[in-house]
Amino acid sequence: MRYLLAEWTHQEEDEPYLIYSEMDEERRETRRVEFYRNGITFSYGGERGNEGALRQEPFPEDLRDLQPPEGELSAREISPGLFYEIWNQSQERPDGFMGMFF
């Protein structure tokens, strides 16, 4: 497994600005934690479910090739320990993002 931190410089409240991802040997996302500027946190994959929210295509070998729809993005690999610390502290929201609207 490999671990990634992506940081967006945008100011949109409805888009994550910090994304922590776990990737398998094929660079496919297996778990993710998203942080939003309004304080909301979502986590997907693993025991949290909602695998459909994970990135479907593999991450590029060169992380500079990631292109967000808007804003600037910087991405770097992080340690497994940092990912697990974030994962374990993230608040589970079983109904996912759309649950906020119902």
Protein backbone atom coordinates (compact mmCIF):
# COMPACT_ATOMS: atom_id res chain seq x y z
CA MET A 1 0.00 0.00 0.00
CA ARG A 2 0.98 3.59 -0.62
CA TYR A 3 -0.49 6.74 0.86
CA LEU A 4 -1.14 10.17 -0.58
CA LEU A 5 -2.03 13.65 0.64
CA ALA A 6 -3.56 16.00 -1.93
CA GLU A 7 -4.01 19.69 -1.01
CA TRP A 8 -6.18 22.05 -3.08
CA THR A 9 -5.76 25.81 -2.89
CA HIS A 10 -9.38 26.65 -3.84
CA GLN A 11 -11.80 28.36 -1.44
CA GLU A 12 -14.91 26.33 -2.37
CA GLU A 13 -16.79 25.09 0.70
CA ASP A 14 -18.47 22.25 -1.19
CA GLU A 15 -15.20 20.73 -2.43
CA PRO A 16 -12.58 19.04 -0.23
CA TYR A 17 -9.34 20.93 0.30
CA LEU A 18 -7.42 18.04 1.93
CA ILE A 19 -7.70 14.47 0.66
CA TYR A 20 -5.84 11.57 2.26
CA SER A 21 -5.85 8.42 0.10
CA GLU A 22 -4.69 4.84 0.42
CA MET A 23 -3.64 3.16 -2.85
CA ASP A 24 -3.17 -0.52 -3.60
CA GLU A 25 -0.33 -2.06 -5.65
CA GLU A 26 -2.06 -0.95 -8.89
CA ARG A 27 -2.35 2.63 -7.57
CA ARG A 28 -6.14 2.30 -7.19
CA GLU A 29 -7.73 4.10 -4.28
CA THR A 30 -8.93 1.77 -1.51
CA ARG A 31 -9.74 4.31 1.25
CA ARG A 32 -10.07 8.09 1.41
CA VAL A 33 -10.65 10.85 3.97
CA GLU A 34 -11.81 14.28 2.78
CA PHE A 35 -11.70 17.53 4.76
CA TYR A 36 -13.87 20.52 3.82
CA ARG A 37 -13.33 24.16 4.79
CA ASN A 38 -16.67 24.24 6.63
CA GLY A 39 -15.39 21.60 9.07
CA ILE A 40 -17.10 18.55 7.56
CA THR A 41 -15.07 15.35 7.15
CA PHE A 42 -16.04 12.28 5.11
CA SER A 43 -14.34 8.90 4.87
CA TYR A 44 -14.90 6.19 2.27
CA GLY A 45 -13.78 2.62 1.67
CA GLY A 46 -12.71 -0.15 3.99
CA GLU A 47 -15.08 -0.69 6.90
CA ARG A 48 -16.73 2.68 6.16
CA GLY A 49 -18.19 1.46 2.85
CA ASN A 50 -19.31 3.62 -0.07
CA GLU A 51 -16.55 2.36 -2.37
CA GLY A 52 -18.41 4.00 -5.27
CA ALA A 53 -17.13 7.38 -4.02
CA LEU A 54 -13.50 6.32 -4.46
CA ARG A 55 -11.44 7.33 -7.46
CA GLN A 56 -12.09 4.77 -10.20
CA GLU A 57 -8.92 5.19 -12.29
CA PRO A 58 -5.44 4.50 -10.91
CA PHE A 59 -3.40 7.42 -9.63
CA PRO A 60 -0.65 8.48 -12.05
CA GLU A 61 2.89 7.42 -11.21
CA ASP A 62 3.90 11.09 -11.28
CA LEU A 63 1.50 12.81 -8.86
CA ARG A 64 2.09 16.14 -10.61
CA ASP A 65 -0.13 14.76 -13.39
CA LEU A 66 -3.23 15.01 -11.18
CA GLN A 67 -5.41 17.82 -12.52
CA PRO A 68 -8.34 19.10 -10.43
CA PRO A 69 -11.29 20.84 -12.15
CA GLU A 70 -10.37 24.15 -10.50
CA GLY A 71 -7.72 25.53 -8.19
CA GLU A 72 -4.18 24.31 -7.76
CA LEU A 73 -3.37 20.91 -6.39
CA SER A 74 -0.22 19.65 -4.75
CA ALA A 75 0.10 15.95 -3.98
CA ARG A 76 2.74 13.96 -2.17
CA GLU A 77 3.19 10.55 -0.67
CA ILE A 78 2.86 10.30 3.11
CA SER A 79 3.70 7.65 5.68
CA PRO A 80 1.29 4.84 6.53
CA GLY A 81 1.32 6.05 10.14
CA LEU A 82 0.05 9.51 9.18
CA PHE A 83 -2.72 8.03 7.02
CA TYR A 84 -3.84 5.65 9.79
CA GLU A 85 -3.86 8.48 12.33
CA ILE A 86 -6.14 10.54 10.07
CA TRP A 87 -8.28 7.50 9.17
CA ASN A 88 -8.80 6.53 12.80
CA GLN A 89 -9.69 10.08 13.84
CA SER A 90 -12.05 10.80 10.94
CA GLN A 91 -15.72 10.91 11.74
CA GLU A 92 -17.75 8.27 10.00
CA ARG A 93 -20.83 9.48 8.18
CA PRO A 94 -22.67 6.31 7.09
CA ASP A 95 -25.09 8.09 4.74
CA GLY A 96 -22.29 9.91 2.89
CA PHE A 97 -22.36 13.42 1.51
CA MET A 98 -25.89 13.27 0.07
CA GLY A 99 -27.30 12.49 3.52
CA MET A 100 -26.84 16.16 4.40
CA PHE A 101 -29.63 17.12 1.99
CA PHE A 102 -32.41 14.81 3.22
